C-alpha atoms as a PDB file:
ATOM      1  CA  MET A   1    -291.584 131.482 -76.130  1.00  0.00           C
ATOM      2  CA  ALA A   2    -294.240 132.023 -78.620  1.00  0.00           C
ATOM      3  CA  GLU A   3    -295.518 134.908 -76.897  1.00  0.00           C
ATOM      4  CA  ALA A   4    -291.311 136.270 -77.461  1.00  0.00           C
ATOM      5  CA  GLY A   5    -291.691 135.461 -81.468  1.00  0.00           C
ATOM      6  CA  LEU A   6    -288.929 132.335 -80.463  1.00  0.00           C
ATOM      7  CA  ASP A   7    -289.410 128.778 -82.298  1.00  0.00           C
ATOM      8  CA  TYR A   8    -290.469 125.657 -80.493  1.00  0.00           C
ATOM      9  CA  GLY A   9    -291.768 122.128 -81.828  1.00  0.00           C
ATOM     10  CA  GLU A  10    -293.118 119.542 -79.727  1.00  0.00           C
ATOM     11  CA  ARG A  11    -290.803 117.018 -77.472  1.00  0.00           C
ATOM     12  CA  THR A  12    -292.025 114.115 -76.482  1.00  0.00           C
ATOM     13  CA  HIS A  13    -289.014 113.627 -74.704  1.00  0.00           C
ATOM     14  CA  THR A  14    -286.035 114.589 -73.488  1.00  0.00           C
ATOM     15  CA  TYR A  15    -282.126 114.038 -74.751  1.00  0.00           C
ATOM     16  CA  ASN A  16    -278.653 114.108 -73.045  1.00  0.00           C
ATOM     17  CA  SER A  17    -277.377 117.705 -74.379  1.00  0.00           C
ATOM     18  CA  ARG A  18    -273.594 115.673 -73.201  1.00  0.00           C
ATOM     19  CA  LEU A  19    -272.148 114.813 -76.999  1.00  0.00           C
ATOM     20  CA  ALA A  20    -273.627 118.284 -78.398  1.00  0.00           C
ATOM     21  CA  GLN A  21    -272.453 120.743 -75.709  1.00  0.00           C
ATOM     22  CA  GLU A  22    -268.235 118.693 -77.013  1.00  0.00           C
ATOM     23  CA  LEU A  23    -269.851 119.236 -80.374  1.00  0.00           C
ATOM     24  CA  GLY A  24    -270.247 122.689 -79.347  1.00  0.00           C
ATOM     25  CA  ALA A  25    -267.151 122.953 -77.569  1.00  0.00           C
ATOM     26  CA  TRP A  26    -264.893 121.905 -80.525  1.00  0.00           C
ATOM     27  CA  ALA A  27    -266.905 123.810 -83.329  1.00  0.00           C
ATOM     28  CA  ASP A  28    -265.876 126.770 -81.521  1.00  0.00           C
ATOM     29  CA  THR A  29    -262.237 126.326 -82.464  1.00  0.00           C
ATOM     30  CA  GLN A  30    -263.337 125.901 -86.301  1.00  0.00           C
ATOM     31  CA  THR A  31    -263.934 129.059 -88.550  1.00  0.00           C
ATOM     32  CA  GLY A  32    -267.188 129.353 -88.820  1.00  0.00           C
ATOM     33  CA  GLY A  33    -268.209 127.086 -86.232  1.00  0.00           C
ATOM     34  CA  ASP A  34    -270.242 129.236 -84.049  1.00  0.00           C
ATOM     35  CA  ALA A  35    -273.659 128.566 -86.071  1.00  0.00           C
ATOM     36  CA  ILE A  36    -273.401 125.308 -84.551  1.00  0.00           C
ATOM     37  CA  HIS A  37    -275.108 126.693 -81.333  1.00  0.00           C
ATOM     38  CA  GLU A  38    -278.833 128.018 -83.061  1.00  0.00           C
ATOM     39  CA  ALA A  39    -277.889 124.301 -85.327  1.00  0.00           C
ATOM     40  CA  LEU A  40    -278.410 123.033 -82.126  1.00  0.00           C
ATOM     41  CA  TYR A  41    -280.961 124.441 -80.417  1.00  0.00           C
ATOM     42  CA  ARG A  42    -283.095 124.613 -83.411  1.00  0.00           C
ATOM     43  CA  ALA A  43    -282.426 120.548 -83.466  1.00  0.00           C
ATOM     44  CA  TYR A  44    -284.116 120.180 -80.019  1.00  0.00           C
ATOM     45  CA  PHE A  45    -286.340 122.504 -79.423  1.00  0.00           C
ATOM     46  CA  VAL A  46    -287.844 122.756 -83.106  1.00  0.00           C
ATOM     47  CA  ASN A  47    -287.502 119.446 -84.493  1.00  0.00           C
ATOM     48  CA  ALA A  48    -286.864 117.405 -82.029  1.00  0.00           C
ATOM     49  CA  ILE A  49    -284.202 115.910 -83.087  1.00  0.00           C
ATOM     50  CA  ASN A  50    -282.292 113.256 -80.518  1.00  0.00           C
ATOM     51  CA  ILE A  51    -278.453 115.392 -80.623  1.00  0.00           C
ATOM     52  CA  SER A  52    -277.642 112.283 -78.122  1.00  0.00           C
ATOM     53  CA  ASP A  53    -277.032 110.746 -81.262  1.00  0.00           C
ATOM     54  CA  ILE A  54    -273.424 110.379 -82.614  1.00  0.00           C
ATOM     55  CA  ASP A  55    -274.746 110.442 -86.621  1.00  0.00           C
ATOM     56  CA  ALA A  56    -277.647 113.045 -85.783  1.00  0.00           C
ATOM     57  CA  LEU A  57    -274.841 115.618 -83.923  1.00  0.00           C
ATOM     58  CA  ILE A  58    -272.611 114.668 -87.333  1.00  0.00           C
ATOM     59  CA  ALA A  59    -275.513 115.967 -89.997  1.00  0.00           C
ATOM     60  CA  ILE A  60    -275.877 119.071 -87.461  1.00  0.00           C
ATOM     61  CA  ALA A  61    -272.162 120.122 -87.779  1.00  0.00           C
ATOM     62  CA  GLU A  62    -272.111 119.547 -91.557  1.00  0.00           C
ATOM     63  CA  SER A  63    -275.160 120.967 -92.034  1.00  0.00           C
ATOM     64  CA  VAL A  64    -273.127 124.148 -91.108  1.00  0.00           C
ATOM     65  CA  GLY A  65    -270.365 124.020 -93.158  1.00  0.00           C
ATOM     66  CA  LEU A  66    -267.814 121.980 -90.348  1.00  0.00           C
ATOM     67  CA  ASP A  67    -265.807 118.867 -91.416  1.00  0.00           C
ATOM     68  CA  SER A  68    -267.831 115.306 -90.863  1.00  0.00           C
ATOM     69  CA  GLY A  69    -265.059 113.672 -90.445  1.00  0.00           C
ATOM     70  CA  ALA A  70    -263.692 115.774 -87.601  1.00  0.00           C
ATOM     71  CA  ALA A  71    -266.517 115.974 -85.787  1.00  0.00           C
ATOM     72  CA  ARG A  72    -267.204 112.082 -85.575  1.00  0.00           C
ATOM     73  CA  THR A  73    -263.364 112.046 -84.011  1.00  0.00           C
ATOM     74  CA  VAL A  74    -264.622 114.182 -81.612  1.00  0.00           C
ATOM     75  CA  LEU A  75    -267.570 112.960 -80.425  1.00  0.00           C
ATOM     76  CA  THR A  76    -266.228 109.396 -80.997  1.00  0.00           C
ATOM     77  CA  GLU A  77    -262.463 110.145 -79.324  1.00  0.00           C
ATOM     78  CA  ARG A  78    -264.039 112.152 -76.601  1.00  0.00           C
ATOM     79  CA  SER A  79    -261.717 114.723 -77.145  1.00  0.00           C
ATOM     80  CA  PHE A  80    -263.692 118.154 -76.145  1.00  0.00           C
ATOM     81  CA  SER A  81    -265.038 115.960 -72.537  1.00  0.00           C
ATOM     82  CA  THR A  82    -262.608 117.461 -70.317  1.00  0.00           C
ATOM     83  CA  LYS A  83    -263.379 121.182 -71.290  1.00  0.00           C
ATOM     84  CA  VAL A  84    -267.052 120.571 -71.284  1.00  0.00           C
ATOM     85  CA  ASP A  85    -265.789 119.316 -67.519  1.00  0.00           C
ATOM     86  CA  ASP A  86    -264.089 122.539 -67.135  1.00  0.00           C
ATOM     87  CA  ASP A  87    -267.057 124.501 -67.999  1.00  0.00           C
ATOM     88  CA  TRP A  88    -269.429 122.862 -65.783  1.00  0.00           C
ATOM     89  CA  ALA A  89    -266.722 122.802 -63.075  1.00  0.00           C
ATOM     90  CA  ARG A  90    -267.015 126.304 -63.339  1.00  0.00           C
ATOM     91  CA  SER A  91    -270.495 126.831 -63.247  1.00  0.00           C
ATOM     92  CA  ARG A  92    -271.120 125.472 -60.218  1.00  0.00           C
ATOM     93  CA  GLU A  93    -268.362 127.557 -58.768  1.00  0.00           C
ATOM     94  CA  VAL A  94    -270.132 130.703 -59.512  1.00  0.00           C
ATOM     95  CA  GLY A  95    -273.658 129.391 -58.762  1.00  0.00           C
ATOM     96  CA  VAL A  96    -275.407 127.901 -62.205  1.00  0.00           C
ATOM     97  CA  THR A  97    -278.170 125.766 -61.339  1.00  0.00           C
ATOM     98  CA  GLY A  98    -280.549 126.795 -64.289  1.00  0.00           C
ATOM     99  CA  VAL A  99    -280.965 127.513 -67.683  1.00  0.00           C
ATOM    100  CA  PRO A 100    -280.680 130.163 -68.860  1.00  0.00           C
ATOM    101  CA  THR A 101    -278.588 131.691 -66.686  1.00  0.00           C
ATOM    102  CA  PHE A 102    -276.865 135.091 -67.335  1.00  0.00           C
ATOM    103  CA  TYR A 103    -274.226 135.821 -65.450  1.00  0.00           C
ATOM    104  CA  ALA A 104    -271.547 139.192 -65.204  1.00  0.00           C
ATOM    105  CA  ASN A 105    -269.831 140.460 -62.101  1.00  0.00           C
ATOM    106  CA  ASP A 106    -270.212 137.833 -59.926  1.00  0.00           C
ATOM    107  CA  LEU A 107    -274.131 138.372 -60.284  1.00  0.00           C
ATOM    108  CA  ALA A 108    -276.695 136.089 -61.724  1.00  0.00           C
ATOM    109  CA  VAL A 109    -280.269 135.877 -62.930  1.00  0.00           C
ATOM    110  CA  VAL A 110    -280.634 132.597 -63.378  1.00  0.00           C
ATOM    111  CA  GLY A 111    -284.143 131.016 -65.319  1.00  0.00           C
ATOM    112  CA  CYS A 112    -286.317 131.368 -68.183  1.00  0.00           C
ATOM    113  CA  GLN A 113    -287.012 135.569 -66.417  1.00  0.00           C
ATOM    114  CA  PRO A 114    -289.388 138.293 -67.350  1.00  0.00           C
ATOM    115  CA  TYR A 115    -287.844 141.176 -69.950  1.00  0.00           C
ATOM    116  CA  GLU A 116    -288.050 143.954 -67.535  1.00  0.00           C
ATOM    117  CA  THR A 117    -286.313 141.462 -64.569  1.00  0.00           C
ATOM    118  CA  LEU A 118    -283.365 141.412 -67.560  1.00  0.00           C
ATOM    119  CA  GLU A 119    -283.866 144.491 -68.482  1.00  0.00           C
ATOM    120  CA  LYS A 120    -283.118 145.858 -64.475  1.00  0.00           C
ATOM    121  CA  PHE A 121    -280.259 143.120 -64.768  1.00  0.00           C
ATOM    122  CA  VAL A 122    -278.443 145.076 -67.437  1.00  0.00           C
ATOM    123  CA  LYS A 123    -278.799 148.330 -66.644  1.00  0.00           C
ATOM    124  CA  HIS A 124    -277.688 147.027 -63.102  1.00  0.00           C
ATOM    125  CA  LEU A 125    -274.328 146.286 -64.419  1.00  0.00           C
ATOM    126  CA  LEU A 126    -274.065 149.501 -66.649  1.00  0.00           C
ATOM    127  CA  ALA A 127    -274.763 151.352 -63.247  1.00  0.00           C
ATOM    128  CA  GLU A 128    -271.253 150.183 -62.106  1.00  0.00           C
ATOM    129  CA  LYS A 129    -269.755 149.856 -64.362  1.00  0.00           C
ATOM    130  CA  ASN A 130    -270.002 153.527 -64.919  1.00  0.00           C
ATOM    131  CA  ARG A 131    -269.415 154.232 -61.282  1.00  0.00           C
ATOM    132  CA  VAL A 132    -266.122 152.384 -61.754  1.00  0.00           C
ATOM    133  CA  SER A 133    -264.928 154.084 -64.887  1.00  0.00           C
END
């Protein structure tokens, strides 16, 4: 992470991200909600915040301008649980076995890969697109 210039803190615990995923799915339906993804990344990987804790998640949502009351309702009622279940099912269908996974045109690159591997993947996709066009 340091080599890539990305912030990364020392974590001593691994937290279940399920509720964070549900919060993210809800946030995607809100104006400006896409900011939650960066905030969740920073909370977990940089600041070692427990993203399985509802109060922590609500604070993160509020920090990016989302309604804290609505966020609490989404999390306590689990109203985006089915959406996340559907996302997980789709991931299994296309063969996602790790994170990150880069997927396009029924091709996948799984796991943290060197720049050159991702560059080759993108160039292959562009060549295929140009061949079909």
